[in-house]
């Protein structure tokens, strides 16, 4: 059976992260939320959008003000 090395690596990273918190889901979730809060990159709006509308990173999070990843044009 063939295994995808990228998927295997993701599983190893996930298992190592869970082990750091003794597989406590609340502690894992708190760490992921903290990491998300402190992440320096642009944030996106995870809410669903009407079909055909894809907001740019700046539109999704105007307080961030980083439009380097904002989509330009149609």
C-alpha atoms as a PDB file:
ATOM      1  CA  UNK A   1       0.000   0.000   0.000  1.00  0.00           C
ATOM      2  CA  UNK A   2       1.345   3.413  -0.999  1.00  0.00           C
ATOM      3  CA  UNK A   3       1.481   6.134   1.646  1.00  0.00           C
ATOM      4  CA  UNK A   4       1.741   9.846   0.962  1.00  0.00           C
ATOM      5  CA  UNK A   5       4.852  11.238   2.696  1.00  0.00           C
ATOM      6  CA  UNK A   6       3.221  14.649   3.151  1.00  0.00           C
ATOM      7  CA  UNK A   7       0.194  13.144   4.872  1.00  0.00           C
ATOM      8  CA  UNK A   8       2.487  11.021   7.043  1.00  0.00           C
ATOM      9  CA  UNK A   9       4.437  14.130   8.055  1.00  0.00           C
ATOM     10  CA  UNK A  10       1.213  15.970   8.918  1.00  0.00           C
ATOM     11  CA  UNK A  11       0.155  13.036  11.098  1.00  0.00           C
ATOM     12  CA  UNK A  12       3.529  13.097  12.900  1.00  0.00           C
ATOM     13  CA  UNK A  13       3.271  16.865  13.501  1.00  0.00           C
ATOM     14  CA  UNK A  14      -0.307  16.539  14.765  1.00  0.00           C
ATOM     15  CA  UNK A  15       0.600  13.676  17.088  1.00  0.00           C
ATOM     16  CA  UNK A  16       3.631  15.556  18.448  1.00  0.00           C
ATOM     17  CA  UNK A  17       1.490  18.650  19.060  1.00  0.00           C
ATOM     18  CA  UNK A  18      -1.147  16.587  20.865  1.00  0.00           C
ATOM     19  CA  UNK A  19       1.529  14.878  22.970  1.00  0.00           C
ATOM     20  CA  UNK A  20       2.803  18.293  24.150  1.00  0.00           C
ATOM     21  CA  UNK A  21      -0.613  18.775  25.772  1.00  0.00           C
ATOM     22  CA  UNK A  22      -1.056  15.162  26.949  1.00  0.00           C
ATOM     23  CA  UNK A  23      -3.849  14.759  24.350  1.00  0.00           C
ATOM     24  CA  UNK A  24      -6.019  17.242  26.291  1.00  0.00           C
ATOM     25  CA  UNK A  25      -8.359  18.601  23.596  1.00  0.00           C
ATOM     26  CA  UNK A  26      -9.147  21.789  25.533  1.00  0.00           C
ATOM     27  CA  UNK A  27      -5.435  22.587  25.916  1.00  0.00           C
ATOM     28  CA  UNK A  28      -4.783  21.779  22.246  1.00  0.00           C
ATOM     29  CA  UNK A  29      -7.647  24.030  21.128  1.00  0.00           C
ATOM     30  CA  UNK A  30      -6.486  26.846  23.436  1.00  0.00           C
ATOM     31  CA  UNK A  31      -2.980  26.614  21.961  1.00  0.00           C
ATOM     32  CA  UNK A  32      -4.313  26.695  18.395  1.00  0.00           C
ATOM     33  CA  UNK A  33      -6.497  29.722  19.194  1.00  0.00           C
ATOM     34  CA  UNK A  34      -3.511  31.499  20.785  1.00  0.00           C
ATOM     35  CA  UNK A  35      -1.377  30.743  17.731  1.00  0.00           C
ATOM     36  CA  UNK A  36      -4.116  32.040  15.436  1.00  0.00           C
ATOM     37  CA  UNK A  37      -4.464  35.251  17.492  1.00  0.00           C
ATOM     38  CA  UNK A  38      -0.706  35.897  17.424  1.00  0.00           C
ATOM     39  CA  UNK A  39      -0.185  34.966  13.757  1.00  0.00           C
ATOM     40  CA  UNK A  40       1.404  37.969  11.985  1.00  0.00           C
ATOM     41  CA  UNK A  41      -0.044  37.253   8.540  1.00  0.00           C
ATOM     42  CA  UNK A  42      -3.345  38.429   7.111  1.00  0.00           C
ATOM     43  CA  UNK A  43      -6.518  36.898   8.476  1.00  0.00           C
ATOM     44  CA  UNK A  44      -9.480  35.768   6.401  1.00  0.00           C
ATOM     45  CA  UNK A  45     -13.185  35.832   7.072  1.00  0.00           C
ATOM     46  CA  UNK A  46     -14.271  32.172   7.452  1.00  0.00           C
ATOM     47  CA  UNK A  47     -17.975  32.953   7.028  1.00  0.00           C
ATOM     48  CA  UNK A  48     -19.597  31.648   3.838  1.00  0.00           C
ATOM     49  CA  UNK A  49     -20.069  34.151   1.029  1.00  0.00           C
ATOM     50  CA  UNK A  50     -22.680  34.273  -1.719  1.00  0.00           C
ATOM     51  CA  UNK A  51     -21.665  32.316  -4.823  1.00  0.00           C
ATOM     52  CA  UNK A  52     -19.285  34.211  -7.085  1.00  0.00           C
ATOM     53  CA  UNK A  53     -18.077  36.618  -4.384  1.00  0.00           C
ATOM     54  CA  UNK A  54     -14.563  36.082  -3.017  1.00  0.00           C
ATOM     55  CA  UNK A  55     -13.363  38.942  -0.809  1.00  0.00           C
ATOM     56  CA  UNK A  56      -9.686  39.830  -0.731  1.00  0.00           C
ATOM     57  CA  UNK A  57      -7.656  39.410   2.461  1.00  0.00           C
ATOM     58  CA  UNK A  58      -7.875  43.168   3.093  1.00  0.00           C
ATOM     59  CA  UNK A  59     -11.658  43.205   2.678  1.00  0.00           C
ATOM     60  CA  UNK A  60     -12.003  40.236   5.006  1.00  0.00           C
ATOM     61  CA  UNK A  61      -9.880  41.867   7.715  1.00  0.00           C
ATOM     62  CA  UNK A  62      -9.616  45.620   7.157  1.00  0.00           C
ATOM     63  CA  UNK A  63      -7.986  46.287  10.553  1.00  0.00           C
ATOM     64  CA  UNK A  64      -4.941  44.271   9.470  1.00  0.00           C
ATOM     65  CA  UNK A  65      -4.278  46.594   6.519  1.00  0.00           C
ATOM     66  CA  UNK A  66      -1.911  44.213   4.736  1.00  0.00           C
ATOM     67  CA  UNK A  67      -3.042  44.008   1.127  1.00  0.00           C
ATOM     68  CA  UNK A  68      -0.011  42.201  -0.304  1.00  0.00           C
ATOM     69  CA  UNK A  69      -2.100  39.037  -0.663  1.00  0.00           C
ATOM     70  CA  UNK A  70      -5.279  40.798  -1.755  1.00  0.00           C
ATOM     71  CA  UNK A  71      -6.473  39.628  -5.131  1.00  0.00           C
ATOM     72  CA  UNK A  72      -6.275  42.289  -7.819  1.00  0.00           C
ATOM     73  CA  UNK A  73      -8.514  42.341 -10.859  1.00  0.00           C
ATOM     74  CA  UNK A  74     -11.464  40.126 -11.807  1.00  0.00           C
END
